[in-house]
Amino acid sequence: MTFAGKKVVVIGGSSGIGLATAELAKKQGAEVIIASRSAAKLDPVAERLKVAAIPADVTSDESIAELFRRTGPVDHVVLTAAQLRTGPFKTVAMEDVRATMEAKFWGAWRVAREAEIRAGGSLTLVTGFLSVRPRPNSAIISAANGALESLARALALELAPVRVNAVSPGVIDTPIRAAMPEAARKEMLAKTAAALPVGRVGMSEDIAQQIACLMANGFATGSIVYIDGGALIG
């Protein structure tokens, strides 16, 4: 697999799955551009990877339009960025519910609309397995993920010959979990690992590998790939 001569934009590329994807694409020869809301986080990563960086906010029409004005035509776009807020269905604030959809779903809509992706290139969205395996206190995330997967299928038709796919991770040990108390985080990850057929939780690199495969496979479009360590069959 090689991306030599290809221009790859990773939105959410300053940490977690996005960072792992940017690193992998760079190693495979791509010209990589990373984007995220925080320039403070973005710039040190860009310097380390020797890639370009453009601050961008997926909740802003103008910000995403400006991002793709600056990149020009590209070959592959990967979207991992989302700011999620959730809570018990009856009490979660409507402001938080709307903010989650604004970032996760409408953010993807903005990116798909504004990106000028060359024919045969790809857009890969990152959703999450709560779309098909909901859990308490996460109804809005389940709904947003399900909507995003439906959008990926629809865009595979609307944007053809650009290819559109989605990767749906299970439990991944990424920096987003750093907000949890360390003891609680370790306990949660250990319990999850013990319940999975593979015997471990996922890492950002696991998802990056699948994203890269979808980018490289010219026959893949409209696909939703669940990478969850066997959670859906466990």
Foldseek 3Di string as FASTA:
>chain_A
DAQAPFEEEEEVCLWFLNVLLQLVNVVRHYQYEYEEQDPVSFVVSCVVSVHHYDYAALLDLVRLLVVQVVVDEGQEYEYDDFDADWFAPVDGDVVRLVRRLSGLPSSVVSNLVRHRHDQLGEYEYEAACCLPVPDGGCVSSVVSSVNNLVVQLVVCVVVPVYAGEYEHEYDEPICVCVVDDPVVVVVVQQVLLCPAPQSGFHGSNVRSVVVVVQRPDSVDHSYYHYHYRHPVPD
